[in-house]
Amino acid sequence: EKLQADLAESEADKAALLEQTHRLEGVLSSNASLEAESKALRSSVESLHQESANKDSQIEMLNLRVQELDREAKASVTSVDEELKIAVESLRNEIKEKDSQIYQMTNGLSETKSILLNHQDENEALRDIQQDYIAQ
């Protein structure tokens, strides 16, 4: 009877150990599954970090290009401003020159008119002399 009781106790211990073994195997399986999932997540995170670094690099390159284009645009505006100032100054000088030419021509016309009036007076005087001569 004691043997049977020992045997029963031994069987109970064996059953308890088997149950604990099954539980431990479940935990091991669960740990392996979690470890695989963790590796996959780590890999995904690393991939996202790499993608983020690539995007940051692209953004930096685009920012540099924008700055370069901004400098070129400012230089272009400055260049256009300078060209406009030069063109305006050139046109002002041309206008001054034309005004001077017009003034000189106006003075020349005044002198010519005065000379013509003198010639007209002389011609009338000569006609009067000629008519007096013919009349005599």
N, C-alpha and C. Protein backbone atom coordinates (compact mmCIF):
# COMPACT_ATOMS: atom_id res chain seq x y z
N GLU A 1 0.82 -1.17 0.00
CA GLU A 1 0.00 0.00 0.00
C GLU A 1 0.88 1.26 0.00
N LYS A 2 1.89 1.20 0.75
CA LYS A 2 2.82 2.33 0.77
C LYS A 2 3.42 2.47 -0.61
N LEU A 3 3.69 1.37 -1.25
CA LEU A 3 4.25 1.43 -2.61
C LEU A 3 3.23 2.07 -3.55
N GLN A 4 2.01 1.68 -3.36
CA GLN A 4 0.98 2.25 -4.22
C GLN A 4 0.85 3.74 -3.95
N ALA A 5 0.94 4.13 -2.69
CA ALA A 5 0.83 5.54 -2.35
C ALA A 5 2.05 6.29 -2.92
N ASP A 6 3.23 5.67 -2.81
CA ASP A 6 4.43 6.29 -3.37
C ASP A 6 4.31 6.39 -4.88
N LEU A 7 3.77 5.30 -5.46
CA LEU A 7 3.59 5.28 -6.91
C LEU A 7 2.61 6.38 -7.32
N ALA A 8 1.53 6.54 -6.58
CA ALA A 8 0.52 7.55 -6.89
C ALA A 8 1.12 8.94 -6.74
N GLU A 9 1.93 9.10 -5.67
CA GLU A 9 2.57 10.39 -5.45
C GLU A 9 3.57 10.67 -6.55
N SER A 10 4.27 9.65 -6.93
CA SER A 10 5.24 9.77 -8.00
C SER A 10 4.54 10.12 -9.31
N GLU A 11 3.40 9.48 -9.57
CA GLU A 11 2.60 9.76 -10.77
C GLU A 11 2.10 11.20 -10.73
N ALA A 12 1.69 11.65 -9.54
CA ALA A 12 1.19 13.02 -9.40
C ALA A 12 2.33 14.01 -9.64
N ASP A 13 3.51 13.69 -9.07
CA ASP A 13 4.68 14.55 -9.30
C ASP A 13 5.03 14.59 -10.78
N LYS A 14 4.97 13.41 -11.42
CA LYS A 14 5.28 13.32 -12.85
C LYS A 14 4.30 14.15 -13.66
N ALA A 15 3.02 14.05 -13.30
CA ALA A 15 1.99 14.81 -14.01
C ALA A 15 2.22 16.30 -13.81
N ALA A 16 2.59 16.70 -12.56
CA ALA A 16 2.85 18.11 -12.27
C ALA A 16 4.07 18.59 -13.07
N LEU A 17 5.11 17.74 -13.13
CA LEU A 17 6.31 18.10 -13.89
C LEU A 17 5.99 18.20 -15.38
N LEU A 18 5.17 17.28 -15.89
CA LEU A 18 4.78 17.34 -17.30
C LEU A 18 4.00 18.64 -17.58
N GLU A 19 3.13 18.99 -16.64
CA GLU A 19 2.35 20.22 -16.82
C GLU A 19 3.27 21.43 -16.82
N GLN A 20 4.25 21.44 -15.89
CA GLN A 20 5.20 22.54 -15.84
C GLN A 20 6.05 22.57 -17.10
N THR A 21 6.42 21.38 -17.61
CA THR A 21 7.21 21.29 -18.84
C THR A 21 6.41 21.87 -20.00
N HIS A 22 5.11 21.51 -20.07
CA HIS A 22 4.26 22.05 -21.15
C HIS A 22 4.15 23.58 -21.04
N ARG A 23 4.00 24.05 -19.78
CA ARG A 23 3.92 25.50 -19.58
C ARG A 23 5.22 26.17 -20.00
N LEU A 24 6.35 25.57 -19.62
CA LEU A 24 7.66 26.14 -19.98
C LEU A 24 7.87 26.11 -21.49
N GLU A 25 7.44 25.02 -22.12
CA GLU A 25 7.54 24.95 -23.58
C GLU A 25 6.69 26.04 -24.23
N GLY A 26 5.51 26.29 -23.67
CA GLY A 26 4.64 27.37 -24.17
C GLY A 26 5.30 28.73 -24.01
N VAL A 27 5.93 28.91 -22.81
CA VAL A 27 6.63 30.17 -22.56
C VAL A 27 7.80 30.32 -23.53
N LEU A 28 8.56 29.23 -23.76
CA LEU A 28 9.68 29.28 -24.70
C LEU A 28 9.21 29.61 -26.11
N SER A 29 8.11 28.96 -26.47
CA SER A 29 7.54 29.22 -27.79
C SER A 29 7.09 30.67 -27.90
N SER A 30 6.45 31.15 -26.85
CA SER A 30 5.99 32.54 -26.82
C SER A 30 7.18 33.49 -26.86
N ASN A 31 8.26 33.17 -26.11
CA ASN A 31 9.47 33.99 -26.11
C ASN A 31 10.10 34.03 -27.50
N ALA A 32 10.16 32.85 -28.15
CA ALA A 32 10.74 32.79 -29.49
C ALA A 32 9.92 33.64 -30.45
N SER A 33 8.59 33.53 -30.32
CA SER A 33 7.70 34.32 -31.19
C SER A 33 7.90 35.82 -30.94
N LEU A 34 7.97 36.19 -29.63
CA LEU A 34 8.18 37.61 -29.30
C LEU A 34 9.55 38.09 -29.78
N GLU A 35 10.56 37.23 -29.67
CA GLU A 35 11.90 37.60 -30.12
C GLU A 35 11.91 37.82 -31.63
N ALA A 36 11.22 36.95 -32.38
CA ALA A 36 11.15 37.11 -33.83
C ALA A 36 10.40 38.40 -34.18
N GLU A 37 9.32 38.66 -33.47
CA GLU A 37 8.55 39.88 -33.70
C GLU A 37 9.39 41.11 -33.35
N SER A 38 10.15 41.02 -32.26
CA SER A 38 11.02 42.12 -31.85
C SER A 38 12.09 42.39 -32.90
N LYS A 39 12.68 41.32 -33.46
CA LYS A 39 13.69 41.49 -34.51
C LYS A 39 13.08 42.16 -35.74
N ALA A 40 11.87 41.70 -36.09
CA ALA A 40 11.18 42.30 -37.25
C ALA A 40 10.90 43.78 -37.00
N LEU A 41 10.45 44.10 -35.79
CA LEU A 41 10.18 45.51 -35.46
C LEU A 41 11.47 46.33 -35.46
N ARG A 42 12.56 45.75 -34.89
CA ARG A 42 13.84 46.45 -34.89
C ARG A 42 14.29 46.73 -36.32
N SER A 43 14.14 45.73 -37.17
CA SER A 43 14.52 45.88 -38.58
C SER A 43 13.67 46.97 -39.24
N SER A 44 12.38 46.97 -38.94
CA SER A 44 11.48 47.98 -39.50
C SER A 44 11.87 49.38 -39.00
N VAL A 45 12.19 49.49 -37.71
CA VAL A 45 12.60 50.78 -37.14
C VAL A 45 13.89 51.26 -37.79
N GLU A 46 14.85 50.34 -37.97
CA GLU A 46 16.12 50.72 -38.62
C GLU A 46 15.86 51.19 -40.04
N SER A 47 14.96 50.48 -40.73
CA SER A 47 14.61 50.88 -42.08
C SER A 47 13.98 52.28 -42.10
N LEU A 48 13.10 52.53 -41.13
CA LEU A 48 12.47 53.85 -41.05
C LEU A 48 13.51 54.93 -40.72
N HIS A 49 14.46 54.60 -39.84
CA HIS A 49 15.53 55.56 -39.52
C HIS A 49 16.35 55.87 -40.77
N GLN A 50 16.66 54.84 -41.55
CA GLN A 50 17.44 55.04 -42.78
C GLN A 50 16.65 55.89 -43.77
N GLU A 51 15.36 55.58 -43.89
CA GLU A 51 14.51 56.35 -44.81
C GLU A 51 14.42 57.80 -44.35
N SER A 52 14.29 58.00 -43.05
CA SER A 52 14.23 59.35 -42.49
C SER A 52 15.54 60.10 -42.76
N ALA A 53 16.67 59.40 -42.59
CA ALA A 53 17.98 60.03 -42.85
C ALA A 53 18.09 60.41 -44.33
N ASN A 54 17.61 59.53 -45.21
CA ASN A 54 17.62 59.84 -46.65
C ASN A 54 16.76 61.06 -46.95
N LYS A 55 15.56 61.11 -46.33
CA LYS A 55 14.67 62.26 -46.55
C LYS A 55 15.31 63.54 -46.02
N ASP A 56 15.95 63.43 -44.83
CA ASP A 56 16.63 64.61 -44.28
C ASP A 56 17.73 65.10 -45.23
N SER A 57 18.46 64.15 -45.80
CA SER A 57 19.52 64.50 -46.74
C SER A 57 18.92 65.19 -47.97
N GLN A 58 17.82 64.64 -48.47
CA GLN A 58 17.16 65.26 -49.64
C GLN A 58 16.66 66.65 -49.31
N ILE A 59 16.09 66.80 -48.11
CA ILE A 59 15.59 68.12 -47.70
C ILE A 59 16.74 69.11 -47.61
N GLU A 60 17.86 68.68 -47.06
CA GLU A 60 19.04 69.55 -46.95
C GLU A 60 19.52 69.98 -48.34
N MET A 61 19.56 69.00 -49.27
CA MET A 61 19.99 69.31 -50.63
C MET A 61 19.01 70.30 -51.28
N LEU A 62 17.71 70.10 -51.06
CA LEU A 62 16.72 71.02 -51.62
C LEU A 62 16.84 72.41 -50.99
N ASN A 63 17.09 72.46 -49.69
CA ASN A 63 17.28 73.76 -49.03
C ASN A 63 18.49 74.49 -49.60
N LEU A 64 19.58 73.76 -49.83
CA LEU A 64 20.77 74.37 -50.42
C LEU A 64 20.46 74.89 -51.83
N ARG A 65 19.70 74.12 -52.59
CA ARG A 65 19.34 74.54 -53.97
C ARG A 65 18.45 75.79 -53.92
N VAL A 66 17.51 75.80 -52.98
CA VAL A 66 16.64 76.97 -52.83
C VAL A 66 17.46 78.20 -52.47
N GLN A 67 18.43 78.04 -51.56
CA GLN A 67 19.29 79.16 -51.19
C GLN A 67 20.10 79.64 -52.39
N GLU A 68 20.60 78.69 -53.17
CA GLU A 68 21.38 79.04 -54.36
C GLU A 68 20.51 79.80 -55.36
N LEU A 69 19.29 79.28 -55.59
CA LEU A 69 18.37 79.95 -56.52
C LEU A 69 17.98 81.33 -56.01
N ASP A 70 17.82 81.46 -54.69
CA ASP A 70 17.49 82.75 -54.10
C ASP A 70 18.62 83.74 -54.33
N ARG A 71 19.87 83.28 -54.12
CA ARG A 71 21.03 84.16 -54.38
C ARG A 71 21.08 84.56 -55.85
N GLU A 72 20.85 83.58 -56.74
CA GLU A 72 20.87 83.88 -58.18
C GLU A 72 19.77 84.87 -58.54
N ALA A 73 18.59 84.69 -57.94
CA ALA A 73 17.47 85.60 -58.22
C ALA A 73 17.81 87.01 -57.75
N LYS A 74 18.39 87.11 -56.55
CA LYS A 74 18.76 88.44 -56.03
C LYS A 74 19.83 89.08 -56.92
N ALA A 75 20.80 88.26 -57.34
CA ALA A 75 21.86 88.78 -58.22
C ALA A 75 21.25 89.22 -59.54
N SER A 76 20.31 88.46 -60.05
CA SER A 76 19.66 88.79 -61.31
C SER A 76 18.87 90.10 -61.18
N VAL A 77 18.14 90.24 -60.07
CA VAL A 77 17.38 91.47 -59.84
C VAL A 77 18.34 92.65 -59.75
N THR A 78 19.44 92.46 -59.03
CA THR A 78 20.43 93.52 -58.90
C THR A 78 20.99 93.87 -60.27
N SER A 79 21.27 92.85 -61.06
CA SER A 79 21.81 93.06 -62.40
C SER A 79 20.81 93.82 -63.27
N VAL A 80 19.54 93.40 -63.21
CA VAL A 80 18.50 94.08 -63.99
C VAL A 80 18.36 95.53 -63.52
N ASP A 81 18.41 95.75 -62.19
CA ASP A 81 18.33 97.12 -61.66
C ASP A 81 19.47 97.96 -62.20
N GLU A 82 20.67 97.39 -62.19
CA GLU A 82 21.83 98.13 -62.69
C GLU A 82 21.67 98.44 -64.18
N GLU A 83 21.23 97.44 -64.94
CA GLU A 83 21.03 97.66 -66.37
C GLU A 83 19.98 98.74 -66.62
N LEU A 84 18.89 98.71 -65.84
CA LEU A 84 17.85 99.74 -65.98
C LEU A 84 18.39 101.12 -65.64
N LYS A 85 19.18 101.20 -64.56
CA LYS A 85 19.76 102.50 -64.19
C LYS A 85 20.65 103.03 -65.30
N ILE A 86 21.46 102.14 -65.88
CA ILE A 86 22.35 102.55 -66.97
C ILE A 86 21.52 102.99 -68.17
N ALA A 87 20.48 102.21 -68.50
CA ALA A 87 19.63 102.56 -69.65
C ALA A 87 18.93 103.89 -69.43
N VAL A 88 18.41 104.11 -68.22
CA VAL A 88 17.72 105.37 -67.90
C VAL A 88 18.71 106.53 -68.00
N GLU A 89 19.90 106.35 -67.45
CA GLU A 89 20.91 107.42 -67.52
C GLU A 89 21.28 107.72 -68.97
N SER A 90 21.42 106.67 -69.77
CA SER A 90 21.74 106.85 -71.18
C SER A 90 20.62 107.62 -71.90
N LEU A 91 19.37 107.24 -71.60
CA LEU A 91 18.23 107.97 -72.22
C LEU A 91 18.19 109.42 -71.76
N ARG A 92 18.48 109.65 -70.50
CA ARG A 92 18.50 111.04 -70.00
C ARG A 92 19.56 111.85 -70.74
N ASN A 93 20.73 111.24 -70.93
CA ASN A 93 21.80 111.93 -71.65
C ASN A 93 21.39 112.21 -73.09
N GLU A 94 20.74 111.23 -73.72
CA GLU A 94 20.25 111.44 -75.10
C GLU A 94 19.26 112.59 -75.14
N ILE A 95 18.34 112.61 -74.16
CA ILE A 95 17.33 113.68 -74.12
C ILE A 95 18.01 115.03 -73.94
N LYS A 96 19.01 115.10 -73.06
CA LYS A 96 19.73 116.36 -72.86
C LYS A 96 20.42 116.79 -74.15
N GLU A 97 21.02 115.80 -74.83
CA GLU A 97 21.70 116.11 -76.09
C GLU A 97 20.70 116.61 -77.13
N LYS A 98 19.54 115.93 -77.22
CA LYS A 98 18.51 116.36 -78.19
C LYS A 98 17.99 117.74 -77.82
N ASP A 99 17.78 117.99 -76.51
CA ASP A 99 17.33 119.32 -76.07
C ASP A 99 18.35 120.38 -76.47
N SER A 100 19.63 120.05 -76.30
CA SER A 100 20.69 120.99 -76.66
C SER A 100 20.66 121.25 -78.18
N GLN A 101 20.49 120.15 -78.95
CA GLN A 101 20.42 120.30 -80.41
C GLN A 101 19.21 121.16 -80.81
N ILE A 102 18.06 120.91 -80.17
CA ILE A 102 16.86 121.69 -80.47
C ILE A 102 17.09 123.16 -80.13
N TYR A 103 17.74 123.42 -78.99
CA TYR A 103 18.02 124.79 -78.58
C TYR A 103 18.92 125.47 -79.61
N GLN A 104 19.97 124.74 -80.03
CA GLN A 104 20.88 125.30 -81.03
C GLN A 104 20.15 125.55 -82.35
N MET A 105 19.29 124.59 -82.74
CA MET A 105 18.55 124.77 -83.99
C MET A 105 17.59 125.95 -83.88
N THR A 106 16.96 126.09 -82.70
CA THR A 106 16.04 127.22 -82.48
C THR A 106 16.80 128.54 -82.59
N ASN A 107 17.97 128.58 -81.96
CA ASN A 107 18.80 129.79 -82.06
C ASN A 107 19.22 130.02 -83.51
N GLY A 108 19.59 128.92 -84.18
CA GLY A 108 19.98 129.05 -85.59
C GLY A 108 18.82 129.56 -86.44
N LEU A 109 17.62 129.06 -86.16
CA LEU A 109 16.44 129.53 -86.90
C LEU A 109 16.16 131.00 -86.61
N SER A 110 16.33 131.41 -85.37
CA SER A 110 16.14 132.82 -85.02
C SER A 110 17.12 133.70 -85.78
N GLU A 111 18.39 133.25 -85.82
CA GLU A 111 19.40 134.02 -86.55
C GLU A 111 19.07 134.04 -88.04
N THR A 112 18.66 132.87 -88.56
CA THR A 112 18.32 132.79 -89.98
C THR A 112 17.13 133.70 -90.28
N LYS A 113 16.13 133.71 -89.39
CA LYS A 113 14.96 134.56 -89.58
C LYS A 113 15.37 136.03 -89.59
N SER A 114 16.26 136.37 -88.66
CA SER A 114 16.73 137.75 -88.59
C SER A 114 17.49 138.12 -89.88
N ILE A 115 18.33 137.19 -90.35
CA ILE A 115 19.07 137.44 -91.59
C ILE A 115 18.11 137.57 -92.76
N LEU A 116 17.10 136.66 -92.79
CA LEU A 116 16.11 136.71 -93.87
C LEU A 116 15.33 138.02 -93.85
N LEU A 117 14.97 138.45 -92.66
CA LEU A 117 14.25 139.73 -92.56
C LEU A 117 15.13 140.89 -93.05
N ASN A 118 16.43 140.85 -92.70
CA ASN A 118 17.36 141.87 -93.18
C ASN A 118 17.46 141.83 -94.70
N HIS A 119 17.58 140.59 -95.24
CA HIS A 119 17.64 140.45 -96.70
C HIS A 119 16.35 140.94 -97.35
N GLN A 120 15.22 140.63 -96.67
CA GLN A 120 13.93 141.08 -97.22
C GLN A 120 13.89 142.61 -97.24
N ASP A 121 14.36 143.23 -96.15
CA ASP A 121 14.39 144.70 -96.10
C ASP A 121 15.31 145.25 -97.18
N GLU A 122 16.48 144.61 -97.34
CA GLU A 122 17.44 145.05 -98.36
C GLU A 122 16.82 144.88 -99.75
N ASN A 123 16.15 143.74 -99.97
CA ASN A 123 15.51 143.50 -101.26
C ASN A 123 14.45 144.56 -101.55
N GLU A 124 13.67 144.89 -100.53
CA GLU A 124 12.63 145.92 -100.73
C GLU A 124 13.27 147.28 -101.05
N ALA A 125 14.36 147.53 -100.34
CA ALA A 125 15.06 148.80 -100.58
C ALA A 125 15.62 148.80 -101.99
N LEU A 126 16.20 147.65 -102.41
CA LEU A 126 16.75 147.57 -103.76
C LEU A 126 15.64 147.68 -104.80
N ARG A 127 14.47 147.10 -104.54
CA ARG A 127 13.34 147.21 -105.46
C ARG A 127 12.89 148.66 -105.58
N ASP A 128 12.87 149.32 -104.42
CA ASP A 128 12.46 150.72 -104.44
C ASP A 128 13.45 151.55 -105.27
N ILE A 129 14.73 151.23 -105.09
CA ILE A 129 15.78 151.93 -105.84
C ILE A 129 15.61 151.61 -107.33
N GLN A 130 15.36 150.29 -107.60
CA GLN A 130 15.20 149.87 -108.99
C GLN A 130 13.99 150.56 -109.60
N GLN A 131 12.88 150.65 -108.88
CA GLN A 131 11.68 151.28 -109.41
C GLN A 131 11.92 152.78 -109.63
N ASP A 132 12.63 153.42 -108.69
CA ASP A 132 12.97 154.82 -108.84
C ASP A 132 13.86 155.00 -110.08
N TYR A 133 14.81 154.09 -110.28
CA TYR A 133 15.70 154.16 -111.42
C TYR A 133 14.92 153.99 -112.72
N ILE A 134 13.99 153.00 -112.69
CA ILE A 134 13.18 152.75 -113.90
C ILE A 134 12.28 153.95 -114.14
N ALA A 135 11.76 154.55 -113.15
CA ALA A 135 10.86 155.67 -113.28
C ALA A 135 11.58 156.88 -113.84
N GLN A 136 12.86 156.98 -113.65
CA GLN A 136 13.59 158.14 -114.15
C GLN A 136 13.90 157.90 -115.55
